[in-house]
Amino acid sequence: MVWRIFKYIEHLFHIRHRKGHGIHSPYLFEFVNRVLFNSEGVELPPSILNEHRRLCL
């Protein structure tokens, strides 16, 4: 159990470097940058934003 807690804390420290660095697949790198982090600044429709907020609760 202590090992899992340690690994989780270690994960929290490394999650800050998530901007796609270390992803070797070009397709996955593009997906992370364009979709997950919205690097192009595309505005989403309100219905999608509301659904996202509902799912996050």
N, C-alpha and C. Protein backbone atom coordinates (compact mmCIF):
# COMPACT_ATOMS: atom_id res chain seq x y z
N MET A 1 0.82 -1.19 0.00
CA MET A 1 0.00 0.00 0.00
C MET A 1 0.87 1.26 0.00
N VAL A 2 1.93 1.27 0.76
CA VAL A 2 2.83 2.42 0.81
C VAL A 2 3.46 2.64 -0.55
N TRP A 3 3.75 1.56 -1.26
CA TRP A 3 4.35 1.66 -2.59
C TRP A 3 3.41 2.39 -3.55
N ARG A 4 2.12 2.10 -3.49
CA ARG A 4 1.16 2.77 -4.37
C ARG A 4 1.05 4.25 -4.06
N ILE A 5 1.09 4.60 -2.80
CA ILE A 5 1.03 6.01 -2.42
C ILE A 5 2.27 6.73 -2.95
N PHE A 6 3.43 6.11 -2.81
CA PHE A 6 4.67 6.69 -3.31
C PHE A 6 4.60 6.88 -4.83
N LYS A 7 4.13 5.89 -5.55
CA LYS A 7 4.03 5.97 -7.00
C LYS A 7 3.04 7.06 -7.43
N TYR A 8 1.96 7.23 -6.70
CA TYR A 8 0.99 8.27 -7.02
C TYR A 8 1.61 9.65 -6.82
N ILE A 9 2.32 9.85 -5.73
CA ILE A 9 2.98 11.14 -5.49
C ILE A 9 4.03 11.40 -6.56
N GLU A 10 4.77 10.38 -6.94
CA GLU A 10 5.75 10.52 -8.01
C GLU A 10 5.07 10.90 -9.32
N HIS A 11 3.93 10.31 -9.59
CA HIS A 11 3.15 10.63 -10.80
C HIS A 11 2.71 12.09 -10.79
N LEU A 12 2.30 12.61 -9.64
CA LEU A 12 1.87 14.00 -9.56
C LEU A 12 3.01 14.96 -9.88
N PHE A 13 4.22 14.63 -9.51
CA PHE A 13 5.35 15.48 -9.82
C PHE A 13 5.69 15.45 -11.31
N HIS A 14 5.48 14.33 -11.95
CA HIS A 14 5.85 14.20 -13.36
C HIS A 14 4.74 14.61 -14.31
N ILE A 15 3.53 14.79 -13.83
CA ILE A 15 2.40 15.11 -14.71
C ILE A 15 2.52 16.52 -15.30
N ARG A 16 3.33 17.37 -14.71
CA ARG A 16 3.50 18.73 -15.22
C ARG A 16 4.16 18.75 -16.60
N HIS A 17 4.87 17.72 -16.95
CA HIS A 17 5.57 17.65 -18.23
C HIS A 17 4.72 16.94 -19.26
N ARG A 18 3.46 17.23 -19.30
CA ARG A 18 2.52 16.47 -20.12
C ARG A 18 2.22 17.09 -21.46
N LYS A 19 2.78 18.19 -21.82
CA LYS A 19 2.42 18.91 -23.04
C LYS A 19 2.77 18.17 -24.31
N GLY A 20 2.90 16.88 -24.25
CA GLY A 20 3.18 16.09 -25.43
C GLY A 20 4.62 15.68 -25.55
N HIS A 21 5.47 16.20 -24.71
CA HIS A 21 6.88 15.81 -24.78
C HIS A 21 7.01 14.37 -24.30
N GLY A 22 7.72 13.59 -25.04
CA GLY A 22 7.90 12.19 -24.70
C GLY A 22 6.94 11.27 -25.44
N ILE A 23 6.00 11.85 -26.21
CA ILE A 23 5.10 11.03 -27.02
C ILE A 23 5.79 10.81 -28.36
N HIS A 24 6.06 9.56 -28.69
CA HIS A 24 6.84 9.25 -29.87
C HIS A 24 6.00 9.12 -31.14
N SER A 25 4.75 8.76 -30.98
CA SER A 25 3.89 8.62 -32.16
C SER A 25 3.48 10.00 -32.66
N PRO A 26 3.75 10.33 -33.94
CA PRO A 26 3.36 11.65 -34.45
C PRO A 26 1.85 11.86 -34.44
N TYR A 27 1.09 10.80 -34.64
CA TYR A 27 -0.37 10.92 -34.65
C TYR A 27 -0.89 11.21 -33.25
N LEU A 28 -0.36 10.53 -32.28
CA LEU A 28 -0.77 10.76 -30.90
C LEU A 28 -0.32 12.13 -30.41
N PHE A 29 0.88 12.56 -30.79
CA PHE A 29 1.37 13.89 -30.43
C PHE A 29 0.45 14.98 -30.99
N GLU A 30 0.05 14.82 -32.24
CA GLU A 30 -0.86 15.80 -32.86
C GLU A 30 -2.22 15.79 -32.17
N PHE A 31 -2.72 14.61 -31.81
CA PHE A 31 -4.00 14.51 -31.10
C PHE A 31 -3.93 15.22 -29.75
N VAL A 32 -2.86 14.99 -29.01
CA VAL A 32 -2.71 15.62 -27.69
C VAL A 32 -2.65 17.13 -27.83
N ASN A 33 -1.87 17.63 -28.78
CA ASN A 33 -1.72 19.07 -28.93
C ASN A 33 -2.97 19.75 -29.47
N ARG A 34 -3.58 19.17 -30.48
CA ARG A 34 -4.72 19.84 -31.11
C ARG A 34 -6.04 19.61 -30.41
N VAL A 35 -6.25 18.41 -29.88
CA VAL A 35 -7.56 18.09 -29.30
C VAL A 35 -7.57 18.27 -27.79
N LEU A 36 -6.67 17.63 -27.10
CA LEU A 36 -6.70 17.67 -25.65
C LEU A 36 -6.31 19.03 -25.09
N PHE A 37 -5.30 19.68 -25.69
CA PHE A 37 -4.85 20.96 -25.17
C PHE A 37 -5.33 22.14 -25.99
N ASN A 38 -6.08 21.89 -27.08
CA ASN A 38 -6.70 22.92 -27.90
C ASN A 38 -5.70 24.01 -28.25
N SER A 39 -4.59 23.64 -28.86
CA SER A 39 -3.52 24.58 -29.18
C SER A 39 -3.93 25.59 -30.24
N GLU A 40 -4.95 25.29 -31.01
CA GLU A 40 -5.39 26.20 -32.06
C GLU A 40 -6.42 27.21 -31.56
N GLY A 41 -6.89 27.05 -30.33
CA GLY A 41 -7.83 28.00 -29.74
C GLY A 41 -9.22 27.95 -30.34
N VAL A 42 -9.67 26.79 -30.75
CA VAL A 42 -10.99 26.63 -31.35
C VAL A 42 -12.05 26.74 -30.26
N GLU A 43 -13.07 27.56 -30.51
CA GLU A 43 -14.18 27.70 -29.57
C GLU A 43 -15.14 26.52 -29.75
N LEU A 44 -15.52 25.93 -28.64
CA LEU A 44 -16.45 24.81 -28.68
C LEU A 44 -17.89 25.29 -28.54
N PRO A 45 -18.83 24.58 -29.15
CA PRO A 45 -20.24 24.95 -28.99
C PRO A 45 -20.66 24.81 -27.53
N PRO A 46 -21.61 25.64 -27.10
CA PRO A 46 -22.06 25.59 -25.69
C PRO A 46 -22.59 24.22 -25.26
N SER A 47 -23.21 23.48 -26.17
CA SER A 47 -23.74 22.17 -25.81
C SER A 47 -22.61 21.21 -25.41
N ILE A 48 -21.48 21.28 -26.10
CA ILE A 48 -20.35 20.42 -25.76
C ILE A 48 -19.72 20.87 -24.45
N LEU A 49 -19.61 22.17 -24.23
CA LEU A 49 -19.06 22.68 -22.98
C LEU A 49 -19.92 22.28 -21.79
N ASN A 50 -21.24 22.37 -21.96
CA ASN A 50 -22.15 21.97 -20.88
C ASN A 50 -22.04 20.48 -20.57
N GLU A 51 -21.93 19.67 -21.60
CA GLU A 51 -21.78 18.23 -21.40
C GLU A 51 -20.46 17.92 -20.70
N HIS A 52 -19.40 18.62 -21.08
CA HIS A 52 -18.09 18.44 -20.45
C HIS A 52 -18.16 18.79 -18.96
N ARG A 53 -18.78 19.91 -18.65
CA ARG A 53 -18.91 20.32 -17.25
C ARG A 53 -19.74 19.31 -16.46
N ARG A 54 -20.80 18.80 -17.09
CA ARG A 54 -21.64 17.81 -16.41
C ARG A 54 -20.87 16.53 -16.12
N LEU A 55 -20.03 16.11 -17.05
CA LEU A 55 -19.27 14.88 -16.87
C LEU A 55 -18.14 15.04 -15.84
N CYS A 56 -17.63 16.26 -15.71
CA CYS A 56 -16.53 16.49 -14.76
C CYS A 56 -17.01 16.52 -13.33
N LEU A 57 -18.29 16.71 -13.10
CA LEU A 57 -18.78 16.76 -11.71
C LEU A 57 -18.90 15.42 -11.13
